N, C-alpha and C. Protein backbone atom coordinates (compact mmCIF):
# COMPACT_ATOMS: atom_id res chain seq x y z
N UNK A 1 -14.49 34.02 9.18
CA UNK A 1 -13.38 33.87 8.24
C UNK A 1 -13.60 34.81 7.06
N UNK A 2 -12.54 35.42 6.58
CA UNK A 2 -12.68 36.32 5.44
C UNK A 2 -13.05 35.56 4.17
N UNK A 3 -13.89 36.16 3.35
CA UNK A 3 -14.31 35.54 2.10
C UNK A 3 -13.24 35.76 1.04
N UNK A 4 -12.18 35.01 1.14
CA UNK A 4 -11.05 35.14 0.21
C UNK A 4 -10.79 33.79 -0.44
N UNK A 5 -10.06 33.84 -1.55
CA UNK A 5 -9.76 32.61 -2.28
C UNK A 5 -9.03 31.59 -1.40
N UNK A 6 -8.11 32.05 -0.57
CA UNK A 6 -7.35 31.13 0.30
C UNK A 6 -8.27 30.44 1.31
N UNK A 7 -9.25 31.18 1.83
CA UNK A 7 -10.20 30.59 2.78
C UNK A 7 -11.01 29.49 2.10
N UNK A 8 -11.47 29.77 0.87
CA UNK A 8 -12.24 28.78 0.13
C UNK A 8 -11.40 27.54 -0.16
N UNK A 9 -10.12 27.74 -0.46
CA UNK A 9 -9.22 26.62 -0.72
C UNK A 9 -9.06 25.76 0.53
N UNK A 10 -8.93 26.40 1.70
CA UNK A 10 -8.79 25.66 2.95
C UNK A 10 -10.04 24.84 3.23
N UNK A 11 -11.21 25.45 3.02
CA UNK A 11 -12.48 24.75 3.23
C UNK A 11 -12.59 23.56 2.26
N UNK A 12 -12.20 23.79 1.01
CA UNK A 12 -12.26 22.72 0.01
C UNK A 12 -11.34 21.57 0.40
N UNK A 13 -10.09 21.88 0.78
CA UNK A 13 -9.13 20.84 1.16
C UNK A 13 -9.63 20.05 2.35
N UNK A 14 -10.19 20.73 3.33
CA UNK A 14 -10.68 20.05 4.52
C UNK A 14 -11.89 19.17 4.20
N UNK A 15 -12.81 19.65 3.37
CA UNK A 15 -13.97 18.83 3.01
C UNK A 15 -13.54 17.63 2.17
N UNK A 16 -12.54 17.82 1.31
CA UNK A 16 -12.01 16.72 0.51
C UNK A 16 -11.37 15.67 1.42
N UNK A 17 -10.62 16.11 2.43
CA UNK A 17 -9.99 15.20 3.38
C UNK A 17 -11.04 14.41 4.15
N UNK A 18 -12.11 15.09 4.59
CA UNK A 18 -13.17 14.41 5.33
C UNK A 18 -13.90 13.40 4.45
N UNK A 19 -14.11 13.74 3.18
CA UNK A 19 -14.77 12.81 2.26
C UNK A 19 -13.92 11.56 2.07
N UNK A 20 -12.59 11.73 1.95
CA UNK A 20 -11.70 10.57 1.82
C UNK A 20 -11.73 9.71 3.08
N UNK A 21 -11.77 10.36 4.23
CA UNK A 21 -11.83 9.63 5.50
C UNK A 21 -13.11 8.81 5.59
N UNK A 22 -14.24 9.39 5.22
CA UNK A 22 -15.52 8.67 5.25
C UNK A 22 -15.46 7.49 4.29
N UNK A 23 -14.92 7.69 3.09
CA UNK A 23 -14.78 6.59 2.13
C UNK A 23 -13.92 5.46 2.71
N UNK A 24 -12.81 5.84 3.34
CA UNK A 24 -11.92 4.85 3.94
C UNK A 24 -12.63 4.07 5.04
N UNK A 25 -13.40 4.77 5.87
CA UNK A 25 -14.12 4.11 6.96
C UNK A 25 -15.19 3.15 6.43
N UNK A 26 -15.89 3.56 5.37
CA UNK A 26 -16.88 2.68 4.76
C UNK A 26 -16.21 1.44 4.18
N UNK A 27 -15.07 1.65 3.52
CA UNK A 27 -14.33 0.53 2.95
C UNK A 27 -13.88 -0.43 4.04
N UNK A 28 -13.33 0.09 5.14
CA UNK A 28 -12.88 -0.75 6.24
C UNK A 28 -14.05 -1.51 6.86
N UNK A 29 -15.18 -0.84 7.03
CA UNK A 29 -16.35 -1.49 7.60
C UNK A 29 -16.79 -2.68 6.74
N UNK A 30 -16.79 -2.50 5.41
CA UNK A 30 -17.15 -3.60 4.51
C UNK A 30 -16.15 -4.75 4.63
N UNK A 31 -14.87 -4.42 4.71
CA UNK A 31 -13.83 -5.45 4.80
C UNK A 31 -13.99 -6.25 6.10
N UNK A 32 -14.17 -5.54 7.21
CA UNK A 32 -14.25 -6.21 8.51
C UNK A 32 -15.51 -7.05 8.62
N UNK A 33 -16.57 -6.64 7.95
CA UNK A 33 -17.82 -7.39 8.00
C UNK A 33 -17.84 -8.52 6.96
N UNK A 34 -16.84 -8.54 6.11
CA UNK A 34 -16.82 -9.54 5.04
C UNK A 34 -17.93 -9.31 4.04
N UNK A 35 -18.39 -8.06 3.95
CA UNK A 35 -19.53 -7.72 3.09
C UNK A 35 -19.07 -7.33 1.69
N UNK A 36 -18.30 -8.21 1.08
CA UNK A 36 -17.87 -8.00 -0.29
C UNK A 36 -17.52 -9.35 -0.88
N UNK A 37 -17.53 -9.42 -2.17
CA UNK A 37 -17.16 -10.67 -2.83
C UNK A 37 -15.91 -10.42 -3.67
N UNK A 38 -15.11 -11.45 -3.78
CA UNK A 38 -13.91 -11.35 -4.60
C UNK A 38 -14.20 -11.91 -5.98
N UNK A 39 -13.81 -11.17 -6.99
CA UNK A 39 -13.94 -11.61 -8.36
C UNK A 39 -12.60 -12.23 -8.77
N UNK A 40 -12.41 -13.51 -8.41
CA UNK A 40 -11.12 -14.16 -8.59
C UNK A 40 -10.88 -14.55 -10.04
N UNK A 41 -9.71 -14.15 -10.54
CA UNK A 41 -9.28 -14.54 -11.88
C UNK A 41 -7.80 -14.88 -11.82
N UNK A 42 -7.31 -15.49 -12.85
CA UNK A 42 -5.89 -15.81 -12.95
C UNK A 42 -5.16 -14.57 -13.43
N UNK A 43 -4.14 -14.14 -12.69
CA UNK A 43 -3.46 -12.89 -13.04
C UNK A 43 -1.95 -13.06 -13.00
N UNK A 44 -1.29 -12.29 -13.83
CA UNK A 44 0.16 -12.24 -13.87
C UNK A 44 0.66 -11.21 -12.86
N UNK A 45 1.57 -11.62 -11.98
CA UNK A 45 2.12 -10.69 -10.98
C UNK A 45 2.87 -9.57 -11.68
N UNK A 46 3.60 -9.89 -12.74
CA UNK A 46 4.35 -8.84 -13.45
C UNK A 46 3.41 -7.80 -14.04
N UNK A 47 2.24 -8.23 -14.52
CA UNK A 47 1.26 -7.28 -15.06
C UNK A 47 0.67 -6.41 -13.95
N UNK A 48 0.39 -7.02 -12.79
CA UNK A 48 -0.15 -6.26 -11.66
C UNK A 48 0.84 -5.18 -11.22
N UNK A 49 2.12 -5.56 -11.12
CA UNK A 49 3.15 -4.60 -10.70
C UNK A 49 3.33 -3.52 -11.76
N UNK A 50 3.33 -3.91 -13.03
CA UNK A 50 3.50 -2.93 -14.11
C UNK A 50 2.37 -1.89 -14.08
N UNK A 51 1.15 -2.32 -13.79
CA UNK A 51 0.02 -1.39 -13.73
C UNK A 51 0.20 -0.39 -12.59
N UNK A 52 0.71 -0.85 -11.45
CA UNK A 52 0.95 0.04 -10.31
C UNK A 52 2.04 1.05 -10.66
N UNK A 53 3.08 0.59 -11.32
CA UNK A 53 4.17 1.49 -11.72
C UNK A 53 3.64 2.57 -12.66
N UNK A 54 2.82 2.17 -13.63
CA UNK A 54 2.26 3.16 -14.56
C UNK A 54 1.45 4.22 -13.81
N UNK A 55 0.70 3.79 -12.78
CA UNK A 55 -0.14 4.74 -12.03
C UNK A 55 0.69 5.72 -11.20
N UNK A 56 1.86 5.28 -10.70
CA UNK A 56 2.61 6.10 -9.75
C UNK A 56 3.91 6.69 -10.29
N UNK A 57 4.32 6.30 -11.51
CA UNK A 57 5.64 6.71 -11.97
C UNK A 57 5.81 8.24 -12.04
N UNK A 58 4.77 8.96 -12.38
CA UNK A 58 4.88 10.42 -12.45
C UNK A 58 5.16 11.01 -11.07
N UNK A 59 4.47 10.48 -10.03
CA UNK A 59 4.70 10.97 -8.67
C UNK A 59 6.13 10.67 -8.19
N UNK A 60 6.64 9.51 -8.60
CA UNK A 60 8.02 9.18 -8.26
C UNK A 60 8.98 10.16 -8.94
N UNK A 61 8.73 10.45 -10.21
CA UNK A 61 9.58 11.40 -10.94
C UNK A 61 9.53 12.78 -10.30
N UNK A 62 8.32 13.23 -9.96
CA UNK A 62 8.17 14.57 -9.37
C UNK A 62 8.89 14.69 -8.03
N UNK A 63 8.90 13.62 -7.24
CA UNK A 63 9.55 13.67 -5.93
C UNK A 63 11.05 13.38 -6.02
N UNK A 64 11.48 12.78 -7.13
CA UNK A 64 12.89 12.46 -7.27
C UNK A 64 13.29 11.19 -6.54
N UNK A 65 12.35 10.24 -6.47
CA UNK A 65 12.62 8.94 -5.86
C UNK A 65 12.67 7.91 -6.98
N UNK A 66 13.72 7.08 -7.00
CA UNK A 66 13.87 6.06 -8.03
C UNK A 66 13.02 4.84 -7.70
N UNK A 67 12.35 4.31 -8.72
CA UNK A 67 11.51 3.13 -8.55
C UNK A 67 12.07 2.01 -9.42
N UNK A 68 12.38 0.88 -8.80
CA UNK A 68 12.95 -0.27 -9.51
C UNK A 68 12.04 -1.47 -9.31
N UNK A 69 11.83 -2.23 -10.37
CA UNK A 69 11.02 -3.45 -10.27
C UNK A 69 11.79 -4.62 -10.87
N UNK A 70 11.77 -5.72 -10.15
CA UNK A 70 12.39 -6.95 -10.63
C UNK A 70 11.39 -8.07 -10.42
N UNK A 71 10.53 -8.23 -11.43
CA UNK A 71 9.45 -9.21 -11.35
C UNK A 71 9.45 -9.99 -12.66
N UNK A 72 9.79 -11.25 -12.59
CA UNK A 72 9.89 -12.08 -13.78
C UNK A 72 8.52 -12.35 -14.38
N UNK A 73 8.46 -12.31 -15.70
CA UNK A 73 7.22 -12.68 -16.39
C UNK A 73 7.01 -14.19 -16.36
N UNK A 74 8.02 -14.94 -15.93
CA UNK A 74 7.95 -16.40 -15.87
C UNK A 74 7.34 -16.92 -14.58
N UNK A 75 7.06 -16.04 -13.63
CA UNK A 75 6.46 -16.49 -12.37
C UNK A 75 5.10 -17.11 -12.63
N UNK A 76 4.72 -18.11 -11.82
CA UNK A 76 3.37 -18.67 -11.95
C UNK A 76 2.31 -17.58 -11.70
N UNK A 77 1.16 -17.75 -12.30
CA UNK A 77 0.07 -16.80 -12.11
C UNK A 77 -0.55 -16.98 -10.72
N UNK A 78 -1.23 -15.95 -10.27
CA UNK A 78 -1.91 -16.01 -8.97
C UNK A 78 -3.41 -15.91 -9.19
N UNK A 79 -4.18 -16.44 -8.25
CA UNK A 79 -5.64 -16.39 -8.32
C UNK A 79 -6.10 -15.25 -7.42
N UNK A 80 -6.46 -14.10 -8.01
CA UNK A 80 -6.77 -12.92 -7.22
C UNK A 80 -7.91 -12.12 -7.84
N UNK A 81 -8.45 -11.23 -7.04
CA UNK A 81 -9.32 -10.17 -7.53
C UNK A 81 -8.37 -9.03 -7.89
N UNK A 82 -8.18 -8.80 -9.18
CA UNK A 82 -7.17 -7.85 -9.63
C UNK A 82 -7.38 -6.44 -9.07
N UNK A 83 -8.63 -5.99 -8.99
CA UNK A 83 -8.89 -4.65 -8.46
C UNK A 83 -8.47 -4.55 -7.00
N UNK A 84 -8.80 -5.57 -6.21
CA UNK A 84 -8.49 -5.53 -4.77
C UNK A 84 -6.98 -5.60 -4.52
N UNK A 85 -6.30 -6.50 -5.23
CA UNK A 85 -4.86 -6.64 -5.02
C UNK A 85 -4.13 -5.43 -5.58
N UNK A 86 -4.63 -4.85 -6.65
CA UNK A 86 -4.04 -3.60 -7.15
C UNK A 86 -4.15 -2.50 -6.11
N UNK A 87 -5.29 -2.46 -5.40
CA UNK A 87 -5.49 -1.49 -4.32
C UNK A 87 -4.43 -1.68 -3.23
N UNK A 88 -4.15 -2.93 -2.87
CA UNK A 88 -3.14 -3.22 -1.86
C UNK A 88 -1.76 -2.75 -2.34
N UNK A 89 -1.39 -3.11 -3.56
CA UNK A 89 -0.07 -2.74 -4.08
C UNK A 89 0.07 -1.23 -4.22
N UNK A 90 -0.98 -0.57 -4.67
CA UNK A 90 -0.94 0.90 -4.77
C UNK A 90 -0.72 1.52 -3.40
N UNK A 91 -1.38 0.99 -2.39
CA UNK A 91 -1.23 1.50 -1.03
C UNK A 91 0.21 1.33 -0.55
N UNK A 92 0.76 0.13 -0.73
CA UNK A 92 2.10 -0.15 -0.23
C UNK A 92 3.18 0.64 -0.98
N UNK A 93 3.07 0.69 -2.30
CA UNK A 93 4.07 1.43 -3.08
C UNK A 93 3.90 2.93 -2.85
N UNK A 94 2.65 3.40 -2.72
CA UNK A 94 2.40 4.81 -2.41
C UNK A 94 2.96 5.20 -1.05
N UNK A 95 2.81 4.31 -0.06
CA UNK A 95 3.40 4.57 1.25
C UNK A 95 4.92 4.64 1.17
N UNK A 96 5.51 3.71 0.41
CA UNK A 96 6.97 3.71 0.27
C UNK A 96 7.44 5.04 -0.32
N UNK A 97 6.71 5.54 -1.31
CA UNK A 97 7.06 6.84 -1.89
C UNK A 97 6.90 7.95 -0.86
N UNK A 98 5.80 7.94 -0.12
CA UNK A 98 5.52 9.00 0.84
C UNK A 98 6.59 9.10 1.92
N UNK A 99 7.09 7.95 2.36
CA UNK A 99 8.03 7.95 3.48
C UNK A 99 9.50 7.79 3.05
N UNK A 100 9.76 8.00 1.76
CA UNK A 100 11.13 7.98 1.25
C UNK A 100 11.48 9.38 0.77
N UNK A 101 12.55 9.96 1.29
CA UNK A 101 12.93 11.31 0.86
C UNK A 101 13.45 11.33 -0.57
N UNK A 102 13.51 12.52 -1.15
CA UNK A 102 14.06 12.69 -2.49
C UNK A 102 15.44 12.07 -2.56
N UNK A 103 15.78 11.53 -3.73
CA UNK A 103 17.04 10.82 -3.98
C UNK A 103 17.05 9.43 -3.34
N UNK A 104 15.93 9.01 -2.73
CA UNK A 104 15.84 7.67 -2.19
C UNK A 104 15.42 6.69 -3.26
N UNK A 105 15.23 5.43 -2.86
CA UNK A 105 14.88 4.38 -3.80
C UNK A 105 13.79 3.47 -3.23
N UNK A 106 12.97 2.96 -4.14
CA UNK A 106 11.95 1.96 -3.80
C UNK A 106 12.14 0.78 -4.75
N UNK A 107 12.08 -0.42 -4.21
CA UNK A 107 12.28 -1.63 -4.98
C UNK A 107 11.07 -2.55 -4.85
N UNK A 108 10.61 -3.08 -5.98
CA UNK A 108 9.54 -4.07 -5.98
C UNK A 108 10.11 -5.37 -6.54
N UNK A 109 10.02 -6.43 -5.76
CA UNK A 109 10.51 -7.72 -6.22
C UNK A 109 9.43 -8.77 -5.97
N UNK A 110 9.53 -9.86 -6.68
CA UNK A 110 8.60 -10.97 -6.48
C UNK A 110 9.33 -12.28 -6.75
N UNK A 111 9.02 -13.30 -5.96
CA UNK A 111 9.61 -14.61 -6.16
C UNK A 111 8.65 -15.68 -5.69
N UNK A 112 8.91 -16.88 -6.17
CA UNK A 112 8.07 -18.01 -5.77
C UNK A 112 8.59 -18.58 -4.46
N UNK A 113 7.68 -18.83 -3.53
CA UNK A 113 7.99 -19.49 -2.26
C UNK A 113 6.99 -20.64 -2.12
N UNK A 114 7.41 -21.83 -2.48
CA UNK A 114 6.56 -23.01 -2.40
C UNK A 114 5.30 -22.80 -3.26
N UNK A 115 4.12 -22.78 -2.65
CA UNK A 115 2.88 -22.64 -3.42
C UNK A 115 2.34 -21.21 -3.38
N UNK A 116 3.22 -20.25 -3.10
CA UNK A 116 2.83 -18.84 -3.05
C UNK A 116 3.81 -17.98 -3.85
N UNK A 117 3.34 -16.80 -4.19
CA UNK A 117 4.23 -15.76 -4.72
C UNK A 117 4.39 -14.72 -3.63
N UNK A 118 5.63 -14.38 -3.35
CA UNK A 118 5.92 -13.35 -2.35
C UNK A 118 6.36 -12.07 -3.05
N UNK A 119 5.62 -11.01 -2.80
CA UNK A 119 5.94 -9.69 -3.35
C UNK A 119 6.52 -8.85 -2.21
N UNK A 120 7.63 -8.18 -2.48
CA UNK A 120 8.27 -7.33 -1.47
C UNK A 120 8.40 -5.91 -2.01
N UNK A 121 8.01 -4.94 -1.19
CA UNK A 121 8.18 -3.52 -1.51
C UNK A 121 9.13 -2.95 -0.48
N UNK A 122 10.36 -2.65 -0.89
CA UNK A 122 11.40 -2.14 0.01
C UNK A 122 11.69 -0.69 -0.32
N UNK A 123 12.08 0.06 0.70
CA UNK A 123 12.45 1.45 0.46
C UNK A 123 13.66 1.83 1.30
N UNK A 124 14.26 2.95 0.93
CA UNK A 124 15.39 3.50 1.68
C UNK A 124 14.92 4.68 2.51
N UNK A 125 13.67 4.63 2.92
CA UNK A 125 13.03 5.75 3.61
C UNK A 125 13.31 5.85 5.08
N UNK A 126 12.37 6.46 5.79
CA UNK A 126 12.58 6.85 7.20
C UNK A 126 12.55 5.66 8.15
N UNK A 127 12.11 4.49 7.69
CA UNK A 127 12.09 3.32 8.55
C UNK A 127 11.00 3.39 9.61
N UNK A 128 10.92 2.32 10.39
CA UNK A 128 9.89 2.20 11.42
C UNK A 128 10.57 1.68 12.69
N UNK A 129 10.38 2.36 13.81
CA UNK A 129 10.95 1.83 15.06
C UNK A 129 10.41 0.43 15.34
N UNK A 130 11.30 -0.46 15.75
CA UNK A 130 10.95 -1.87 15.93
C UNK A 130 9.75 -2.06 16.85
N UNK A 131 9.61 -1.24 17.88
CA UNK A 131 8.50 -1.42 18.83
C UNK A 131 7.14 -1.14 18.20
N UNK A 132 7.12 -0.47 17.04
CA UNK A 132 5.84 -0.16 16.39
C UNK A 132 5.41 -1.23 15.39
N UNK A 133 6.31 -2.10 14.98
CA UNK A 133 6.00 -3.08 13.93
C UNK A 133 4.78 -3.95 14.24
N UNK A 134 4.61 -4.46 15.48
CA UNK A 134 3.46 -5.34 15.74
C UNK A 134 2.11 -4.66 15.59
N UNK A 135 2.06 -3.33 15.70
CA UNK A 135 0.78 -2.61 15.68
C UNK A 135 0.48 -1.92 14.36
N UNK A 136 1.35 -2.04 13.41
CA UNK A 136 1.24 -1.23 12.19
C UNK A 136 -0.03 -1.47 11.39
N UNK A 137 -0.60 -2.69 11.49
CA UNK A 137 -1.80 -3.01 10.72
C UNK A 137 -3.08 -2.81 11.53
N UNK A 138 -2.95 -2.21 12.71
CA UNK A 138 -4.10 -1.91 13.56
C UNK A 138 -4.75 -0.61 13.09
N UNK A 139 -6.06 -0.61 13.02
CA UNK A 139 -6.75 0.58 12.51
C UNK A 139 -6.40 1.82 13.33
N UNK A 140 -6.20 2.92 12.62
CA UNK A 140 -5.88 4.26 13.16
C UNK A 140 -4.54 4.33 13.88
N UNK A 141 -3.75 3.25 13.83
CA UNK A 141 -2.45 3.29 14.52
C UNK A 141 -1.50 4.17 13.73
N UNK A 142 -0.80 5.03 14.45
CA UNK A 142 0.17 5.93 13.82
C UNK A 142 1.49 5.84 14.57
N UNK A 143 2.57 5.69 13.80
CA UNK A 143 3.90 5.67 14.40
C UNK A 143 4.22 7.03 14.97
N UNK A 144 3.95 8.07 14.16
CA UNK A 144 4.20 9.44 14.58
C UNK A 144 2.87 10.07 14.93
N UNK A 145 2.56 10.13 16.22
CA UNK A 145 1.25 10.65 16.66
C UNK A 145 1.07 12.13 16.30
N UNK A 146 2.16 12.84 16.08
CA UNK A 146 2.05 14.27 15.78
C UNK A 146 1.80 14.53 14.29
N UNK A 147 1.94 13.48 13.46
CA UNK A 147 1.76 13.68 12.02
C UNK A 147 0.32 14.09 11.74
N UNK A 148 0.16 15.09 10.91
CA UNK A 148 -1.19 15.57 10.62
C UNK A 148 -1.93 14.55 9.78
N UNK A 149 -3.23 14.49 9.96
CA UNK A 149 -4.05 13.59 9.16
C UNK A 149 -3.95 13.95 7.68
N UNK A 150 -3.82 15.24 7.37
CA UNK A 150 -3.74 15.65 5.98
C UNK A 150 -2.50 15.09 5.32
N UNK A 151 -1.38 15.07 6.06
CA UNK A 151 -0.14 14.60 5.47
C UNK A 151 0.05 13.11 5.56
N UNK A 152 -0.60 12.47 6.51
CA UNK A 152 -0.34 11.07 6.76
C UNK A 152 -1.45 10.12 6.39
N UNK A 153 -2.53 10.56 5.79
CA UNK A 153 -3.62 9.66 5.43
C UNK A 153 -4.55 9.40 6.61
N UNK A 154 -5.44 8.43 6.43
CA UNK A 154 -6.47 8.17 7.44
C UNK A 154 -6.01 7.21 8.53
N UNK A 155 -4.91 6.51 8.31
CA UNK A 155 -4.45 5.55 9.31
C UNK A 155 -5.13 4.21 9.23
N UNK A 156 -5.83 3.93 8.10
CA UNK A 156 -6.48 2.63 7.97
C UNK A 156 -6.14 1.91 6.66
N UNK A 157 -5.29 2.51 5.86
CA UNK A 157 -4.92 1.88 4.59
C UNK A 157 -4.27 0.52 4.77
N UNK A 158 -3.39 0.40 5.77
CA UNK A 158 -2.73 -0.89 6.01
C UNK A 158 -3.71 -1.91 6.58
N UNK A 159 -4.67 -1.44 7.37
CA UNK A 159 -5.69 -2.34 7.93
C UNK A 159 -6.54 -2.92 6.79
N UNK A 160 -6.95 -2.06 5.87
CA UNK A 160 -7.73 -2.52 4.72
C UNK A 160 -6.90 -3.50 3.89
N UNK A 161 -5.63 -3.17 3.67
CA UNK A 161 -4.75 -4.06 2.89
C UNK A 161 -4.65 -5.43 3.54
N UNK A 162 -4.52 -5.46 4.86
CA UNK A 162 -4.42 -6.73 5.58
C UNK A 162 -5.67 -7.58 5.36
N UNK A 163 -6.85 -6.96 5.48
CA UNK A 163 -8.10 -7.69 5.28
C UNK A 163 -8.18 -8.24 3.85
N UNK A 164 -7.78 -7.43 2.88
CA UNK A 164 -7.86 -7.87 1.48
C UNK A 164 -6.91 -9.02 1.19
N UNK A 165 -5.68 -8.92 1.68
CA UNK A 165 -4.70 -9.98 1.44
C UNK A 165 -5.16 -11.27 2.11
N UNK A 166 -5.62 -11.18 3.34
CA UNK A 166 -6.06 -12.38 4.06
C UNK A 166 -7.31 -12.99 3.43
N UNK A 167 -8.17 -12.16 2.83
CA UNK A 167 -9.35 -12.69 2.14
C UNK A 167 -8.95 -13.54 0.94
N UNK A 168 -7.75 -13.29 0.40
CA UNK A 168 -7.22 -14.08 -0.71
C UNK A 168 -6.46 -15.32 -0.23
N UNK A 169 -6.37 -15.51 1.09
CA UNK A 169 -5.61 -16.63 1.61
C UNK A 169 -4.12 -16.33 1.70
N UNK A 170 -3.77 -15.05 1.63
CA UNK A 170 -2.37 -14.64 1.71
C UNK A 170 -2.01 -14.05 3.05
N UNK A 171 -0.81 -13.52 3.12
CA UNK A 171 -0.30 -12.90 4.36
C UNK A 171 0.37 -11.58 4.01
N UNK A 172 0.40 -10.67 4.98
CA UNK A 172 1.07 -9.39 4.82
C UNK A 172 1.80 -9.07 6.12
N UNK A 173 3.04 -8.59 6.00
CA UNK A 173 3.80 -8.19 7.19
C UNK A 173 4.86 -7.18 6.78
N UNK A 174 5.50 -6.62 7.79
CA UNK A 174 6.52 -5.59 7.55
C UNK A 174 7.76 -5.90 8.37
N UNK A 175 8.91 -5.53 7.83
CA UNK A 175 10.18 -5.63 8.54
C UNK A 175 10.91 -4.31 8.37
N UNK A 176 11.54 -3.86 9.44
CA UNK A 176 12.37 -2.65 9.39
C UNK A 176 13.41 -2.74 10.50
N UNK A 177 14.68 -2.45 10.16
CA UNK A 177 15.71 -2.48 11.19
C UNK A 177 15.60 -1.31 12.17
N UNK A 178 14.81 -0.29 11.83
CA UNK A 178 14.64 0.86 12.72
C UNK A 178 14.64 2.17 11.95
N UNK A 179 14.63 3.26 12.70
CA UNK A 179 14.55 4.58 12.10
C UNK A 179 15.72 4.84 11.14
N UNK A 180 15.39 5.50 10.03
CA UNK A 180 16.35 5.89 9.00
C UNK A 180 17.04 4.69 8.34
N UNK A 181 16.41 3.52 8.41
CA UNK A 181 17.01 2.33 7.80
C UNK A 181 16.06 1.65 6.82
N UNK A 182 15.03 2.38 6.39
CA UNK A 182 14.11 1.83 5.42
C UNK A 182 13.20 0.76 6.00
N UNK A 183 12.33 0.24 5.15
CA UNK A 183 11.41 -0.82 5.56
C UNK A 183 11.04 -1.66 4.35
N UNK A 184 10.55 -2.86 4.62
CA UNK A 184 10.09 -3.76 3.57
C UNK A 184 8.74 -4.34 3.96
N UNK A 185 7.77 -4.19 3.08
CA UNK A 185 6.46 -4.79 3.26
C UNK A 185 6.38 -6.01 2.35
N UNK A 186 5.89 -7.11 2.91
CA UNK A 186 5.77 -8.37 2.18
C UNK A 186 4.31 -8.75 2.03
N UNK A 187 3.95 -9.28 0.86
CA UNK A 187 2.62 -9.81 0.60
C UNK A 187 2.81 -11.18 -0.05
N UNK A 188 2.11 -12.19 0.44
CA UNK A 188 2.11 -13.47 -0.23
C UNK A 188 0.71 -13.74 -0.77
N UNK A 189 0.67 -14.36 -1.95
CA UNK A 189 -0.59 -14.70 -2.61
C UNK A 189 -0.49 -16.12 -3.13
N UNK A 190 -1.57 -16.89 -3.04
CA UNK A 190 -1.54 -18.28 -3.51
C UNK A 190 -1.40 -18.35 -5.04
N UNK A 191 -0.61 -19.32 -5.47
CA UNK A 191 -0.46 -19.58 -6.90
C UNK A 191 -1.75 -20.17 -7.44
N UNK A 192 -2.10 -19.79 -8.69
CA UNK A 192 -3.27 -20.35 -9.35
C UNK A 192 -2.94 -21.79 -9.76
N UNK A 193 -3.52 -22.74 -9.07
CA UNK A 193 -3.20 -24.15 -9.33
C UNK A 193 -3.76 -24.66 -10.65
N UNK A 194 -4.66 -23.89 -11.27
CA UNK A 194 -5.24 -24.29 -12.55
C UNK A 194 -4.43 -23.77 -13.73
N UNK A 195 -3.38 -23.02 -13.42
CA UNK A 195 -2.58 -22.41 -14.50
C UNK A 195 -1.68 -23.45 -15.14
């Protein structure tokens, strides 16, 4: 390969991608082995969502995708490890941005369902074919097998999210009417009964 700036950039990008993949695999291995502890505290869902919005709002602006949140500050608090659940929400909202074209929209809502809080991240993006929905949280599963790893991530973010949500006693699932019809990811978390 020629010793040029572009060659060095390609090598750097590829090594950076491999480092992220190794980090993701280590994270997944810890999750699957249960080799981590949760630092559970009482948290406000509206604060968790607001923090995610602050982290991603610039990327939404740059891509031209509108981000809307409707999360009441009056919702009961949840008992969670804030870092872990923030990781889940960042993954889901980041995915919604990635798979929503410019001029599209992403919506974050939350409501009480019995003794849980249900958070929904909906988008007007490319959607998911119905036959792929049951496998979406399987490690390395890809809807579009031709999508490059560089553009599509490691294929384990949703698997890690599932382990984290379930470790909190919650549930995670996805619904989509099909291609070009958007999708909605749901997360439920137990209400903090001591609140």
